[in-house]
Amino acid sequence: MSALTKAKGFKKSKAGTYLSIGTTAFGAISVVKQAKKARTENDTLKLIDAVVSAAAIATGVAILLRELKRIGDDDVLLG
């Protein structure tokens, strides 16, 4: 099995999904900083950008959690 094939398989594994959730959630730190800065500067446009970014992160995490649940369901069915 080539390294590329292993990497593609990792992306769809439980560990890969957990890593994706962590990476996506890590992006939330910058969004929080962006929102705080926008509020202190009273910049409505930057605040809206931060809110939209936070919604995108929340949606991404929800999709990854659904994928994680699907992987867990598949494991039970295979076992």
N, C-alpha and C. Protein backbone atom coordinates (compact mmCIF):
# COMPACT_ATOMS: atom_id res chain seq x y z
N MET A 1 0.85 -1.18 0.00
CA MET A 1 0.00 0.00 0.00
C MET A 1 0.90 1.24 0.00
N SER A 2 0.63 2.12 -0.94
CA SER A 2 1.47 3.32 -1.05
C SER A 2 1.13 4.32 0.05
N ALA A 3 2.04 5.25 0.26
CA ALA A 3 1.83 6.29 1.28
C ALA A 3 0.62 7.15 0.93
N LEU A 4 0.41 7.39 -0.35
CA LEU A 4 -0.74 8.20 -0.77
C LEU A 4 -2.05 7.48 -0.47
N THR A 5 -2.09 6.19 -0.69
CA THR A 5 -3.29 5.41 -0.39
C THR A 5 -3.56 5.40 1.11
N LYS A 6 -2.51 5.28 1.91
CA LYS A 6 -2.68 5.31 3.36
C LYS A 6 -3.19 6.67 3.82
N ALA A 7 -2.68 7.74 3.21
CA ALA A 7 -3.11 9.09 3.57
C ALA A 7 -4.58 9.30 3.23
N LYS A 8 -5.01 8.81 2.09
CA LYS A 8 -6.42 8.94 1.71
C LYS A 8 -7.31 8.14 2.65
N GLY A 9 -6.85 6.98 3.07
CA GLY A 9 -7.61 6.16 4.02
C GLY A 9 -7.68 6.80 5.39
N PHE A 10 -6.62 7.49 5.80
CA PHE A 10 -6.58 8.15 7.11
C PHE A 10 -7.62 9.25 7.19
N LYS A 11 -7.82 9.95 6.08
CA LYS A 11 -8.79 11.05 6.06
C LYS A 11 -10.19 10.56 6.40
N LYS A 12 -10.52 9.35 6.03
CA LYS A 12 -11.86 8.80 6.27
C LYS A 12 -11.91 7.91 7.52
N SER A 13 -10.83 7.87 8.29
CA SER A 13 -10.81 7.07 9.50
C SER A 13 -11.29 7.89 10.69
N LYS A 14 -11.51 7.20 11.82
CA LYS A 14 -11.92 7.91 13.04
C LYS A 14 -10.84 8.89 13.47
N ALA A 15 -9.60 8.46 13.45
CA ALA A 15 -8.51 9.34 13.87
C ALA A 15 -8.41 10.55 12.96
N GLY A 16 -8.56 10.35 11.67
CA GLY A 16 -8.51 11.45 10.72
C GLY A 16 -9.66 12.43 10.93
N THR A 17 -10.83 11.89 11.26
CA THR A 17 -11.98 12.75 11.51
C THR A 17 -11.79 13.55 12.78
N TYR A 18 -11.27 12.91 13.83
CA TYR A 18 -10.98 13.64 15.06
C TYR A 18 -9.95 14.74 14.81
N LEU A 19 -8.95 14.45 14.02
CA LEU A 19 -7.94 15.45 13.69
C LEU A 19 -8.56 16.62 12.92
N SER A 20 -9.47 16.31 12.01
CA SER A 20 -10.15 17.37 11.26
C SER A 20 -11.01 18.23 12.18
N ILE A 21 -11.69 17.61 13.14
CA ILE A 21 -12.50 18.36 14.10
C ILE A 21 -11.60 19.28 14.92
N GLY A 22 -10.47 18.76 15.38
CA GLY A 22 -9.54 19.58 16.16
C GLY A 22 -8.99 20.73 15.36
N THR A 23 -8.64 20.47 14.12
CA THR A 23 -8.10 21.52 13.26
C THR A 23 -9.15 22.59 12.99
N THR A 24 -10.37 22.16 12.74
CA THR A 24 -11.45 23.11 12.49
C THR A 24 -11.75 23.93 13.74
N ALA A 25 -11.79 23.27 14.88
CA ALA A 25 -12.05 23.98 16.14
C ALA A 25 -10.91 24.94 16.47
N PHE A 26 -9.70 24.59 16.09
CA PHE A 26 -8.56 25.47 16.32
C PHE A 26 -8.73 26.79 15.57
N GLY A 27 -9.38 26.72 14.42
CA GLY A 27 -9.67 27.93 13.65
C GLY A 27 -10.61 28.86 14.40
N ALA A 28 -11.36 28.33 15.33
CA ALA A 28 -12.29 29.15 16.12
C ALA A 28 -11.54 30.16 16.98
N ILE A 29 -10.32 29.84 17.36
CA ILE A 29 -9.53 30.76 18.19
C ILE A 29 -9.30 32.07 17.44
N SER A 30 -8.94 31.96 16.18
CA SER A 30 -8.70 33.19 15.40
C SER A 30 -10.00 33.96 15.17
N VAL A 31 -11.10 33.25 15.06
CA VAL A 31 -12.39 33.93 14.86
C VAL A 31 -12.78 34.69 16.13
N VAL A 32 -12.53 34.10 17.28
CA VAL A 32 -12.83 34.78 18.54
C VAL A 32 -11.98 36.04 18.67
N LYS A 33 -10.69 35.93 18.33
CA LYS A 33 -9.82 37.10 18.37
C LYS A 33 -10.31 38.18 17.40
N GLN A 34 -10.72 37.74 16.22
CA GLN A 34 -11.22 38.67 15.22
C GLN A 34 -12.48 39.38 15.73
N ALA A 35 -13.37 38.64 16.38
CA ALA A 35 -14.61 39.24 16.90
C ALA A 35 -14.32 40.23 18.02
N LYS A 36 -13.40 39.87 18.91
CA LYS A 36 -13.04 40.79 20.00
C LYS A 36 -12.45 42.09 19.45
N LYS A 37 -11.56 41.95 18.48
CA LYS A 37 -10.93 43.13 17.89
C LYS A 37 -11.98 44.00 17.19
N ALA A 38 -12.90 43.37 16.49
CA ALA A 38 -13.94 44.11 15.78
C ALA A 38 -14.84 44.85 16.76
N ARG A 39 -15.12 44.22 17.90
CA ARG A 39 -15.97 44.89 18.90
C ARG A 39 -15.27 46.07 19.54
N THR A 40 -13.98 45.92 19.82
CA THR A 40 -13.26 47.05 20.44
C THR A 40 -13.10 48.21 19.46
N GLU A 41 -13.00 47.90 18.17
CA GLU A 41 -12.87 48.94 17.15
C GLU A 41 -14.22 49.44 16.64
N ASN A 42 -15.31 48.85 17.14
CA ASN A 42 -16.66 49.17 16.67
C ASN A 42 -16.78 49.04 15.15
N ASP A 43 -16.17 47.98 14.62
CA ASP A 43 -16.19 47.73 13.17
C ASP A 43 -17.26 46.67 12.88
N THR A 44 -18.41 47.13 12.43
CA THR A 44 -19.53 46.23 12.20
C THR A 44 -19.25 45.23 11.09
N LEU A 45 -18.59 45.65 10.04
CA LEU A 45 -18.32 44.76 8.93
C LEU A 45 -17.39 43.61 9.34
N LYS A 46 -16.36 43.92 10.12
CA LYS A 46 -15.46 42.86 10.61
C LYS A 46 -16.19 41.93 11.58
N LEU A 47 -17.10 42.48 12.36
CA LEU A 47 -17.88 41.66 13.29
C LEU A 47 -18.79 40.71 12.53
N ILE A 48 -19.41 41.20 11.46
CA ILE A 48 -20.25 40.34 10.63
C ILE A 48 -19.40 39.23 10.01
N ASP A 49 -18.21 39.58 9.56
CA ASP A 49 -17.30 38.59 8.99
C ASP A 49 -16.96 37.51 10.02
N ALA A 50 -16.72 37.92 11.25
CA ALA A 50 -16.41 36.96 12.31
C ALA A 50 -17.60 36.05 12.59
N VAL A 51 -18.79 36.60 12.58
CA VAL A 51 -19.99 35.79 12.83
C VAL A 51 -20.20 34.78 11.71
N VAL A 52 -20.01 35.21 10.48
CA VAL A 52 -20.15 34.29 9.34
C VAL A 52 -19.08 33.21 9.40
N SER A 53 -17.87 33.58 9.76
CA SER A 53 -16.79 32.59 9.90
C SER A 53 -17.11 31.59 11.01
N ALA A 54 -17.65 32.08 12.12
CA ALA A 54 -18.02 31.19 13.22
C ALA A 54 -19.12 30.23 12.79
N ALA A 55 -20.06 30.71 11.99
CA ALA A 55 -21.12 29.83 11.49
C ALA A 55 -20.54 28.76 10.57
N ALA A 56 -19.57 29.14 9.76
CA ALA A 56 -18.93 28.16 8.86
C ALA A 56 -18.17 27.11 9.67
N ILE A 57 -17.51 27.53 10.73
CA ILE A 57 -16.79 26.58 11.59
C ILE A 57 -17.77 25.64 12.27
N ALA A 58 -18.86 26.19 12.79
CA ALA A 58 -19.87 25.35 13.46
C ALA A 58 -20.47 24.34 12.50
N THR A 59 -20.73 24.76 11.27
CA THR A 59 -21.26 23.86 10.27
C THR A 59 -20.25 22.77 9.92
N GLY A 60 -19.00 23.16 9.77
CA GLY A 60 -17.95 22.18 9.47
C GLY A 60 -17.80 21.14 10.56
N VAL A 61 -17.83 21.58 11.81
CA VAL A 61 -17.72 20.64 12.93
C VAL A 61 -18.93 19.71 12.96
N ALA A 62 -20.13 20.26 12.70
CA ALA A 62 -21.34 19.43 12.68
C ALA A 62 -21.27 18.36 11.59
N ILE A 63 -20.75 18.73 10.42
CA ILE A 63 -20.59 17.75 9.34
C ILE A 63 -19.59 16.68 9.73
N LEU A 64 -18.48 17.08 10.35
CA LEU A 64 -17.48 16.10 10.77
C LEU A 64 -18.02 15.18 11.87
N LEU A 65 -18.82 15.72 12.78
CA LEU A 65 -19.43 14.88 13.81
C LEU A 65 -20.39 13.87 13.19
N ARG A 66 -21.15 14.31 12.19
CA ARG A 66 -22.04 13.39 11.48
C ARG A 66 -21.23 12.28 10.80
N GLU A 67 -20.11 12.66 10.20
CA GLU A 67 -19.24 11.66 9.56
C GLU A 67 -18.68 10.69 10.60
N LEU A 68 -18.31 11.22 11.75
CA LEU A 68 -17.79 10.37 12.83
C LEU A 68 -18.86 9.38 13.28
N LYS A 69 -20.09 9.84 13.40
CA LYS A 69 -21.20 8.95 13.79
C LYS A 69 -21.40 7.88 12.73
N ARG A 70 -21.32 8.27 11.45
CA ARG A 70 -21.48 7.31 10.37
C ARG A 70 -20.38 6.25 10.40
N ILE A 71 -19.15 6.69 10.67
CA ILE A 71 -18.05 5.73 10.78
C ILE A 71 -18.29 4.78 11.92
N GLY A 72 -18.77 5.30 13.05
CA GLY A 72 -19.07 4.46 14.21
C GLY A 72 -20.17 3.46 13.91
N ASP A 73 -21.20 3.90 13.18
CA ASP A 73 -22.29 2.99 12.80
C ASP A 73 -21.79 1.90 11.89
N ASP A 74 -20.91 2.25 10.95
CA ASP A 74 -20.35 1.25 10.03
C ASP A 74 -19.53 0.21 10.79
N ASP A 75 -18.76 0.66 11.81
CA ASP A 75 -17.95 -0.25 12.59
C ASP A 75 -18.81 -1.27 13.30
N VAL A 76 -19.95 -0.83 13.83
CA VAL A 76 -20.85 -1.75 14.54
C VAL A 76 -21.43 -2.75 13.56
N LEU A 77 -21.79 -2.31 12.38
CA LEU A 77 -22.38 -3.21 11.40
C LEU A 77 -21.37 -4.22 10.87
N LEU A 78 -20.12 -3.81 10.77
CA LEU A 78 -19.08 -4.72 10.28
C LEU A 78 -18.68 -5.73 11.33
N GLY A 79 -18.79 -5.37 12.60
CA GLY A 79 -18.33 -6.22 13.69
C GLY A 79 -19.26 -7.31 13.92
